[in-house]
PDB file of all heavy atoms in Angstrom:
ATOM      1  N   ASP A   1     101.389 104.418 111.663  1.00  0.00           N
ATOM      2  CA  ASP A   1     100.190 104.755 110.896  1.00  0.00           C
ATOM      3  C   ASP A   1      99.759 106.204 111.107  1.00  0.00           C
ATOM      4  O   ASP A   1      99.244 106.848 110.189  1.00  0.00           O
ATOM      5  CB  ASP A   1      99.038 103.821 111.271  1.00  0.00           C
ATOM      6  CG  ASP A   1      99.232 102.409 110.763  1.00  0.00           C
ATOM      7  OD1 ASP A   1     100.041 102.214 109.828  1.00  0.00           O
ATOM      8  OD2 ASP A   1      98.573 101.496 111.290  1.00  0.00           O
ATOM      9  N   SER A   2      99.981 106.721 112.293  1.00  0.00           N
ATOM     10  CA  SER A   2      99.531 108.058 112.631  1.00  0.00           C
ATOM     11  C   SER A   2     100.271 109.164 111.876  1.00  0.00           C
ATOM     12  O   SER A   2      99.788 110.297 111.816  1.00  0.00           O
ATOM     13  CB  SER A   2      99.660 108.304 114.135  1.00  0.00           C
ATOM     14  OG  SER A   2     101.002 108.158 114.558  1.00  0.00           O
ATOM     15  N   VAL A   3     101.435 108.842 111.299  1.00  0.00           N
ATOM     16  CA  VAL A   3     102.226 109.869 110.623  1.00  0.00           C
ATOM     17  C   VAL A   3     102.453 109.586 109.148  1.00  0.00           C
ATOM     18  O   VAL A   3     103.065 110.408 108.455  1.00  0.00           O
ATOM     19  CB  VAL A   3     103.591 110.079 111.313  1.00  0.00           C
ATOM     20  CG1 VAL A   3     103.404 110.362 112.794  1.00  0.00           C
ATOM     21  CG2 VAL A   3     104.496 108.872 111.108  1.00  0.00           C
ATOM     22  N   LYS A   4     101.958 108.473 108.655  1.00  0.00           N
ATOM     23  CA  LYS A   4     102.146 108.129 107.252  1.00  0.00           C
ATOM     24  C   LYS A   4     101.560 109.201 106.341  1.00  0.00           C
ATOM     25  O   LYS A   4     100.458 109.676 106.552  1.00  0.00           O
ATOM     26  CB  LYS A   4     101.500 106.777 106.941  1.00  0.00           C
ATOM     27  CG  LYS A   4     102.269 105.591 107.459  1.00  0.00           C
ATOM     28  CD  LYS A   4     101.600 104.276 107.069  1.00  0.00           C
ATOM     29  CE  LYS A   4     102.407 103.092 107.562  1.00  0.00           C
ATOM     30  NZ  LYS A   4     101.742 101.804 107.239  1.00  0.00           N
ATOM     31  N   GLY A   5     102.330 109.568 105.341  1.00  0.00           N
ATOM     32  CA  GLY A   5     101.906 110.602 104.415  1.00  0.00           C
ATOM     33  C   GLY A   5     102.233 112.001 104.859  1.00  0.00           C
ATOM     34  O   GLY A   5     102.126 112.937 104.061  1.00  0.00           O
ATOM     35  N   ARG A   6     102.627 112.165 106.117  1.00  0.00           N
ATOM     36  CA  ARG A   6     102.945 113.488 106.651  1.00  0.00           C
ATOM     37  C   ARG A   6     104.412 113.638 107.022  1.00  0.00           C
ATOM     38  O   ARG A   6     104.980 114.720 106.874  1.00  0.00           O
ATOM     39  CB  ARG A   6     102.087 113.789 107.880  1.00  0.00           C
ATOM     40  CG  ARG A   6     100.588 113.775 107.600  1.00  0.00           C
ATOM     41  CD  ARG A   6      99.791 114.274 108.805  1.00  0.00           C
ATOM     42  NE  ARG A   6      99.968 113.426 109.980  1.00  0.00           N
ATOM     43  CZ  ARG A   6     100.473 113.854 111.138  1.00  0.00           C
ATOM     44  NH1 ARG A   6     100.849 115.122 111.275  1.00  0.00           N
ATOM     45  NH2 ARG A   6     100.585 113.015 112.162  1.00  0.00           N
ATOM     46  N   PHE A   7     105.021 112.567 107.516  1.00  0.00           N
ATOM     47  CA  PHE A   7     106.419 112.595 107.950  1.00  0.00           C
ATOM     48  C   PHE A   7     107.290 111.839 106.961  1.00  0.00           C
ATOM     49  O   PHE A   7     106.863 110.847 106.363  1.00  0.00           O
ATOM     50  CB  PHE A   7     106.578 111.949 109.326  1.00  0.00           C
ATOM     51  CG  PHE A   7     105.980 112.728 110.472  1.00  0.00           C
ATOM     52  CD1 PHE A   7     105.147 113.815 110.261  1.00  0.00           C
ATOM     53  CD2 PHE A   7     106.268 112.354 111.774  1.00  0.00           C
ATOM     54  CE1 PHE A   7     104.603 114.521 111.322  1.00  0.00           C
ATOM     55  CE2 PHE A   7     105.734 113.051 112.844  1.00  0.00           C
ATOM     56  CZ  PHE A   7     104.902 114.125 112.620  1.00  0.00           C
ATOM     57  N   THR A   8     108.531 112.285 106.816  1.00  0.00           N
ATOM     58  CA  THR A   8     109.499 111.613 105.971  1.00  0.00           C
ATOM     59  C   THR A   8     110.835 111.513 106.692  1.00  0.00           C
ATOM     60  O   THR A   8     111.370 112.524 107.154  1.00  0.00           O
ATOM     61  CB  THR A   8     109.711 112.357 104.641  1.00  0.00           C
ATOM     62  OG1 THR A   8     108.463 112.478 103.944  1.00  0.00           O
ATOM     63  CG2 THR A   8     110.690 111.588 103.754  1.00  0.00           C
ATOM     64  N   ILE A   9     111.359 110.305 106.793  1.00  0.00           N
ATOM     65  CA  ILE A   9     112.654 110.095 107.417  1.00  0.00           C
ATOM     66  C   ILE A   9     113.706 109.884 106.338  1.00  0.00           C
ATOM     67  O   ILE A   9     113.439 109.265 105.311  1.00  0.00           O
ATOM     68  CB  ILE A   9     112.619 108.896 108.394  1.00  0.00           C
ATOM     69  CG1 ILE A   9     113.923 108.801 109.191  1.00  0.00           C
ATOM     70  CG2 ILE A   9     112.328 107.591 107.655  1.00  0.00           C
ATOM     71  CD1 ILE A   9     113.866 107.772 110.320  1.00  0.00           C
ATOM     72  N   SER A  10     114.892 110.408 106.561  1.00  0.00           N
ATOM     73  CA  SER A  10     115.991 110.238 105.626  1.00  0.00           C
ATOM     74  C   SER A  10     117.303 110.201 106.398  1.00  0.00           C
ATOM     75  O   SER A  10     117.349 110.552 107.578  1.00  0.00           O
ATOM     76  CB  SER A  10     116.007 111.361 104.580  1.00  0.00           C
ATOM     77  OG  SER A  10     116.179 112.623 105.189  1.00  0.00           O
ATOM     78  N   ARG A  11     118.372 109.780 105.732  1.00  0.00           N
ATOM     79  CA  ARG A  11     119.665 109.710 106.401  1.00  0.00           C
ATOM     80  C   ARG A  11     120.790 110.002 105.432  1.00  0.00           C
ATOM     81  O   ARG A  11     120.644 109.866 104.214  1.00  0.00           O
ATOM     82  CB  ARG A  11     119.869 108.331 107.043  1.00  0.00           C
ATOM     83  CG  ARG A  11     119.932 107.183 106.044  1.00  0.00           C
ATOM     84  CD  ARG A  11     119.929 105.831 106.754  1.00  0.00           C
ATOM     85  NE  ARG A  11     121.192 105.560 107.422  1.00  0.00           N
ATOM     86  CZ  ARG A  11     121.385 104.549 108.275  1.00  0.00           C
ATOM     87  NH1 ARG A  11     120.374 103.730 108.574  1.00  0.00           N
ATOM     88  NH2 ARG A  11     122.571 104.370 108.822  1.00  0.00           N
ATOM     89  N   ASP A  12     121.910 110.397 105.989  1.00  0.00           N
ATOM     90  CA  ASP A  12     123.135 110.620 105.241  1.00  0.00           C
ATOM     91  C   ASP A  12     124.197 109.751 105.897  1.00  0.00           C
ATOM     92  O   ASP A  12     124.712 110.091 106.959  1.00  0.00           O
ATOM     93  CB  ASP A  12     123.528 112.094 105.264  1.00  0.00           C
ATOM     94  CG  ASP A  12     124.719 112.394 104.370  1.00  0.00           C
ATOM     95  OD1 ASP A  12     125.555 111.512 104.152  1.00  0.00           O
ATOM     96  OD2 ASP A  12     124.812 113.540 103.885  1.00  0.00           O
ATOM     97  N   ASN A  13     124.506 108.636 105.281  1.00  0.00           N
ATOM     98  CA  ASN A  13     125.442 107.692 105.875  1.00  0.00           C
ATOM     99  C   ASN A  13     126.856 108.261 105.993  1.00  0.00           C
ATOM    100  O   ASN A  13     127.601 107.904 106.904  1.00  0.00           O
ATOM    101  CB  ASN A  13     125.471 106.400 105.063  1.00  0.00           C
ATOM    102  CG  ASN A  13     124.182 105.617 105.161  1.00  0.00           C
ATOM    103  OD1 ASN A  13     123.460 105.713 106.159  1.00  0.00           O
ATOM    104  ND2 ASN A  13     123.874 104.829 104.140  1.00  0.00           N
ATOM    105  N   ALA A  14     127.238 109.122 105.066  1.00  0.00           N
ATOM    106  CA  ALA A  14     128.572 109.707 105.104  1.00  0.00           C
ATOM    107  C   ALA A  14     128.741 110.649 106.292  1.00  0.00           C
ATOM    108  O   ALA A  14     129.839 110.786 106.829  1.00  0.00           O
ATOM    109  CB  ALA A  14     128.864 110.454 103.806  1.00  0.00           C
ATOM    110  N   LYS A  15     127.650 111.292 106.707  1.00  0.00           N
ATOM    111  CA  LYS A  15     127.701 112.244 107.810  1.00  0.00           C
ATOM    112  C   LYS A  15     127.146 111.690 109.109  1.00  0.00           C
ATOM    113  O   LYS A  15     127.151 112.387 110.124  1.00  0.00           O
ATOM    114  CB  LYS A  15     126.944 113.518 107.440  1.00  0.00           C
ATOM    115  CG  LYS A  15     127.551 114.279 106.276  1.00  0.00           C
ATOM    116  CD  LYS A  15     126.774 115.556 105.995  1.00  0.00           C
ATOM    117  CE  LYS A  15     127.406 116.351 104.871  1.00  0.00           C
ATOM    118  NZ  LYS A  15     126.668 117.607 104.597  1.00  0.00           N
ATOM    119  N   ASN A  16     126.648 110.462 109.091  1.00  0.00           N
ATOM    120  CA  ASN A  16     126.043 109.841 110.273  1.00  0.00           C
ATOM    121  C   ASN A  16     124.911 110.690 110.841  1.00  0.00           C
ATOM    122  O   ASN A  16     124.837 110.936 112.045  1.00  0.00           O
ATOM    123  CB  ASN A  16     127.102 109.582 111.351  1.00  0.00           C
ATOM    124  CG  ASN A  16     128.086 108.508 110.948  1.00  0.00           C
ATOM    125  OD1 ASN A  16     127.742 107.570 110.230  1.00  0.00           O
ATOM    126  ND2 ASN A  16     129.323 108.639 111.414  1.00  0.00           N
ATOM    127  N   THR A  17     124.045 111.136 109.962  1.00  0.00           N
ATOM    128  CA  THR A  17     122.911 111.942 110.381  1.00  0.00           C
ATOM    129  C   THR A  17     121.602 111.330 109.907  1.00  0.00           C
ATOM    130  O   THR A  17     121.563 110.600 108.917  1.00  0.00           O
ATOM    131  CB  THR A  17     123.002 113.378 109.844  1.00  0.00           C
ATOM    132  OG1 THR A  17     123.041 113.354 108.406  1.00  0.00           O
ATOM    133  CG2 THR A  17     124.245 114.080 110.372  1.00  0.00           C
ATOM    134  N   VAL A  18     120.537 111.657 110.615  1.00  0.00           N
ATOM    135  CA  VAL A  18     119.193 111.251 110.237  1.00  0.00           C
ATOM    136  C   VAL A  18     118.274 112.439 110.467  1.00  0.00           C
ATOM    137  O   VAL A  18     118.456 113.198 111.424  1.00  0.00           O
ATOM    138  CB  VAL A  18     118.728 110.017 111.038  1.00  0.00           C
ATOM    139  CG1 VAL A  18     118.667 110.311 112.536  1.00  0.00           C
ATOM    140  CG2 VAL A  18     117.382 109.519 110.531  1.00  0.00           C
ATOM    141  N   THR A  19     117.320 112.623 109.582  1.00  0.00           N
ATOM    142  CA  THR A  19     116.395 113.740 109.689  1.00  0.00           C
ATOM    143  C   THR A  19     114.965 113.247 109.644  1.00  0.00           C
ATOM    144  O   THR A  19     114.674 112.163 109.147  1.00  0.00           O
ATOM    145  CB  THR A  19     116.608 114.764 108.562  1.00  0.00           C
ATOM    146  OG1 THR A  19     116.302 114.160 107.295  1.00  0.00           O
ATOM    147  CG2 THR A  19     118.043 115.260 108.536  1.00  0.00           C
ATOM    148  N   LEU A  20     114.075 114.062 110.182  1.00  0.00           N
ATOM    149  CA  LEU A  20     112.646 113.783 110.136  1.00  0.00           C
ATOM    150  C   LEU A  20     111.937 115.047 109.684  1.00  0.00           C
ATOM    151  O   LEU A  20     111.882 116.030 110.431  1.00  0.00           O
ATOM    152  CB  LEU A  20     112.129 113.344 111.503  1.00  0.00           C
ATOM    153  CG  LEU A  20     110.659 112.922 111.548  1.00  0.00           C
ATOM    154  CD1 LEU A  20     110.459 111.618 110.776  1.00  0.00           C
ATOM    155  CD2 LEU A  20     110.183 112.754 112.984  1.00  0.00           C
ATOM    156  N   GLN A  21     111.427 115.026 108.468  1.00  0.00           N
ATOM    157  CA  GLN A  21     110.639 116.129 107.945  1.00  0.00           C
ATOM    158  C   GLN A  21     109.189 115.908 108.343  1.00  0.00           C
ATOM    159  O   GLN A  21     108.590 114.897 107.977  1.00  0.00           O
ATOM    160  CB  GLN A  21     110.767 116.217 106.428  1.00  0.00           C
ATOM    161  CG  GLN A  21     109.937 117.322 105.786  1.00  0.00           C
ATOM    162  CD  GLN A  21     110.393 118.701 106.183  1.00  0.00           C
ATOM    163  OE1 GLN A  21     111.593 118.993 106.168  1.00  0.00           O
ATOM    164  NE2 GLN A  21     109.444 119.556 106.552  1.00  0.00           N
ATOM    165  N   MET A  22     108.623 116.853 109.076  1.00  0.00           N
ATOM    166  CA  MET A  22     107.272 116.728 109.587  1.00  0.00           C
ATOM    167  C   MET A  22     106.393 117.804 108.955  1.00  0.00           C
ATOM    168  O   MET A  22     106.618 118.998 109.167  1.00  0.00           O
ATOM    169  CB  MET A  22     107.247 116.852 111.109  1.00  0.00           C
ATOM    170  CG  MET A  22     108.176 115.869 111.815  1.00  0.00           C
ATOM    171  SD  MET A  22     108.011 115.926 113.620  1.00  0.00           S
ATOM    172  CE  MET A  22     108.609 117.587 113.937  1.00  0.00           C
ATOM    173  N   ASN A  23     105.406 117.381 108.189  1.00  0.00           N
ATOM    174  CA  ASN A  23     104.479 118.287 107.536  1.00  0.00           C
ATOM    175  C   ASN A  23     103.068 118.069 108.063  1.00  0.00           C
ATOM    176  O   ASN A  23     102.766 117.047 108.672  1.00  0.00           O
ATOM    177  CB  ASN A  23     104.500 118.079 106.021  1.00  0.00           C
ATOM    178  CG  ASN A  23     105.848 118.352 105.400  1.00  0.00           C
ATOM    179  OD1 ASN A  23     106.579 119.237 105.831  1.00  0.00           O
ATOM    180  ND2 ASN A  23     106.180 117.590 104.355  1.00  0.00           N
ATOM    181  N   SER A  24     102.200 119.030 107.800  1.00  0.00           N
ATOM    182  CA  SER A  24     100.796 118.944 108.211  1.00  0.00           C
ATOM    183  C   SER A  24     100.674 118.546 109.674  1.00  0.00           C
ATOM    184  O   SER A  24      99.910 117.645 110.039  1.00  0.00           O
ATOM    185  CB  SER A  24     100.050 117.942 107.317  1.00  0.00           C
ATOM    186  OG  SER A  24     100.120 118.312 105.960  1.00  0.00           O
ATOM    187  N   LEU A  25     101.405 119.225 110.514  1.00  0.00           N
ATOM    188  CA  LEU A  25     101.450 118.868 111.929  1.00  0.00           C
ATOM    189  C   LEU A  25     100.116 119.086 112.620  1.00  0.00           C
ATOM    190  O   LEU A  25      99.374 120.023 112.314  1.00  0.00           O
ATOM    191  CB  LEU A  25     102.542 119.671 112.629  1.00  0.00           C
ATOM    192  CG  LEU A  25     103.963 119.167 112.345  1.00  0.00           C
ATOM    193  CD1 LEU A  25     104.989 120.228 112.704  1.00  0.00           C
ATOM    194  CD2 LEU A  25     104.229 117.882 113.125  1.00  0.00           C
ATOM    195  N   LYS A  26      99.829 118.198 113.556  1.00  0.00           N
ATOM    196  CA  LYS A  26      98.602 118.223 114.330  1.00  0.00           C
ATOM    197  C   LYS A  26      98.923 118.389 115.804  1.00  0.00           C
ATOM    198  O   LYS A  26     100.023 118.047 116.245  1.00  0.00           O
ATOM    199  CB  LYS A  26      97.827 116.915 114.125  1.00  0.00           C
ATOM    200  CG  LYS A  26      97.512 116.581 112.680  1.00  0.00           C
ATOM    201  CD  LYS A  26      96.855 115.211 112.576  1.00  0.00           C
ATOM    202  CE  LYS A  26      96.543 114.860 111.140  1.00  0.00           C
ATOM    203  NZ  LYS A  26      95.910 113.509 111.038  1.00  0.00           N
ATOM    204  N   PRO A  27      97.980 118.891 116.590  1.00  0.00           N
ATOM    205  CA  PRO A  27      98.228 119.027 118.031  1.00  0.00           C
ATOM    206  C   PRO A  27      98.649 117.705 118.682  1.00  0.00           C
ATOM    207  O   PRO A  27      99.458 117.723 119.616  1.00  0.00           O
ATOM    208  CB  PRO A  27      96.883 119.510 118.573  1.00  0.00           C
ATOM    209  CG  PRO A  27      96.295 120.275 117.443  1.00  0.00           C
ATOM    210  CD  PRO A  27      96.693 119.506 116.208  1.00  0.00           C
ATOM    211  N   GLU A  28      98.123 116.592 118.205  1.00  0.00           N
ATOM    212  CA  GLU A  28      98.480 115.305 118.775  1.00  0.00           C
ATOM    213  C   GLU A  28      99.909 114.875 118.459  1.00  0.00           C
ATOM    214  O   GLU A  28     100.382 113.866 118.979  1.00  0.00           O
ATOM    215  CB  GLU A  28      97.498 114.210 118.330  1.00  0.00           C
ATOM    216  CG  GLU A  28      97.254 114.176 116.837  1.00  0.00           C
ATOM    217  CD  GLU A  28      95.995 114.917 116.431  1.00  0.00           C
ATOM    218  OE1 GLU A  28      95.781 116.040 116.934  1.00  0.00           O
ATOM    219  OE2 GLU A  28      95.214 114.373 115.619  1.00  0.00           O
ATOM    220  N   ASP A  29     100.601 115.626 117.609  1.00  0.00           N
ATOM    221  CA  ASP A  29     102.014 115.365 117.354  1.00  0.00           C
ATOM    222  C   ASP A  29     102.907 115.961 118.438  1.00  0.00           C
ATOM    223  O   ASP A  29     104.118 115.723 118.440  1.00  0.00           O
ATOM    224  CB  ASP A  29     102.436 115.925 115.997  1.00  0.00           C
ATOM    225  CG  ASP A  29     101.762 115.222 114.834  1.00  0.00           C
ATOM    226  OD1 ASP A  29     101.640 113.981 114.872  1.00  0.00           O
ATOM    227  OD2 ASP A  29     101.370 115.915 113.878  1.00  0.00           O
ATOM    228  N   THR A  30     102.337 116.745 119.324  1.00  0.00           N
ATOM    229  CA  THR A  30     103.094 117.351 120.409  1.00  0.00           C
ATOM    230  C   THR A  30     103.728 116.272 121.282  1.00  0.00           C
ATOM    231  O   THR A  30     103.045 115.390 121.795  1.00  0.00           O
ATOM    232  CB  THR A  30     102.195 118.244 121.262  1.00  0.00           C
ATOM    233  OG1 THR A  30     101.705 119.327 120.466  1.00  0.00           O
ATOM    234  CG2 THR A  30     102.963 118.810 122.452  1.00  0.00           C
ATOM    235  N   ALA A  31     105.039 116.348 121.432  1.00  0.00           N
ATOM    236  CA  ALA A  31     105.776 115.346 122.197  1.00  0.00           C
ATOM    237  C   ALA A  31     107.249 115.723 122.226  1.00  0.00           C
ATOM    238  O   ALA A  31     107.685 116.636 121.527  1.00  0.00           O
ATOM    239  CB  ALA A  31     105.609 113.956 121.568  1.00  0.00           C
ATOM    240  N   VAL A  32     107.998 115.002 123.037  1.00  0.00           N
ATOM    241  CA  VAL A  32     109.448 115.056 122.961  1.00  0.00           C
ATOM    242  C   VAL A  32     109.879 113.994 121.967  1.00  0.00           C
ATOM    243  O   VAL A  32     109.489 112.829 122.087  1.00  0.00           O
ATOM    244  CB  VAL A  32     110.109 114.812 124.329  1.00  0.00           C
ATOM    245  CG1 VAL A  32     111.631 114.785 124.184  1.00  0.00           C
ATOM    246  CG2 VAL A  32     109.694 115.893 125.312  1.00  0.00           C
ATOM    247  N   TYR A  33     110.665 114.389 120.995  1.00  0.00           N
ATOM    248  CA  TYR A  33     111.104 113.485 119.948  1.00  0.00           C
ATOM    249  C   TYR A  33     112.542 113.059 120.195  1.00  0.00           C
ATOM    250  O   TYR A  33     113.415 113.885 120.464  1.00  0.00           O
ATOM    251  CB  TYR A  33     110.980 114.150 118.578  1.00  0.00           C
ATOM    252  CG  TYR A  33     109.557 114.218 118.083  1.00  0.00           C
ATOM    253  CD1 TYR A  33     108.635 115.079 118.671  1.00  0.00           C
ATOM    254  CD2 TYR A  33     109.127 113.404 117.033  1.00  0.00           C
ATOM    255  CE1 TYR A  33     107.321 115.128 118.239  1.00  0.00           C
ATOM    256  CE2 TYR A  33     107.818 113.452 116.593  1.00  0.00           C
ATOM    257  CZ  TYR A  33     106.920 114.311 117.192  1.00  0.00           C
ATOM    258  OH  TYR A  33     105.611 114.363 116.757  1.00  0.00           O
ATOM    259  N   TYR A  34     112.778 111.760 120.095  1.00  0.00           N
ATOM    260  CA  TYR A  34     114.083 111.182 120.376  1.00  0.00           C
ATOM    261  C   TYR A  34     114.655 110.501 119.141  1.00  0.00           C
ATOM    262  O   TYR A  34     113.948 109.763 118.447  1.00  0.00           O
ATOM    263  CB  TYR A  34     113.996 110.146 121.492  1.00  0.00           C
ATOM    264  CG  TYR A  34     113.535 110.687 122.817  1.00  0.00           C
ATOM    265  CD1 TYR A  34     112.187 110.717 123.143  1.00  0.00           C
ATOM    266  CD2 TYR A  34     114.451 111.158 123.750  1.00  0.00           C
ATOM    267  CE1 TYR A  34     111.752 111.207 124.357  1.00  0.00           C
ATOM    268  CE2 TYR A  34     114.026 111.648 124.967  1.00  0.00           C
ATOM    269  CZ  TYR A  34     112.675 111.669 125.266  1.00  0.00           C
ATOM    270  OH  TYR A  34     112.259 112.153 126.486  1.00  0.00           O
ATOM    271  N   CYS A  35     115.916 110.734 118.906  1.00  0.00           N
ATOM    272  CA  CYS A  35     116.648 110.055 117.846  1.00  0.00           C
ATOM    273  C   CYS A  35     117.299 108.798 118.411  1.00  0.00           C
ATOM    274  O   CYS A  35     117.755 108.790 119.560  1.00  0.00           O
ATOM    275  CB  CYS A  35     117.715 111.000 117.280  1.00  0.00           C
ATOM    276  SG  CYS A  35     118.899 110.239 116.144  1.00  0.00           S
ATOM    277  N   ASN A  36     117.338 107.741 117.635  1.00  0.00           N
ATOM    278  CA  ASN A  36     118.054 106.546 118.058  1.00  0.00           C
ATOM    279  C   ASN A  36     118.822 105.943 116.896  1.00  0.00           C
ATOM    280  O   ASN A  36     118.473 106.138 115.735  1.00  0.00           O
ATOM    281  CB  ASN A  36     117.101 105.511 118.682  1.00  0.00           C
ATOM    282  CG  ASN A  36     116.145 104.907 117.676  1.00  0.00           C
ATOM    283  OD1 ASN A  36     115.110 105.492 117.363  1.00  0.00           O
ATOM    284  ND2 ASN A  36     116.480 103.717 117.171  1.00  0.00           N
TER     285      ASN A  36
END
């Protein structure tokens, strides 16, 4: 809920990649981000 409308996740199955587009970032978004 805290990131809805601001973050967008997508993937490319052919390349085995995933991305996270982060917009309108806030100080509370500060963190270490992990892919799984």
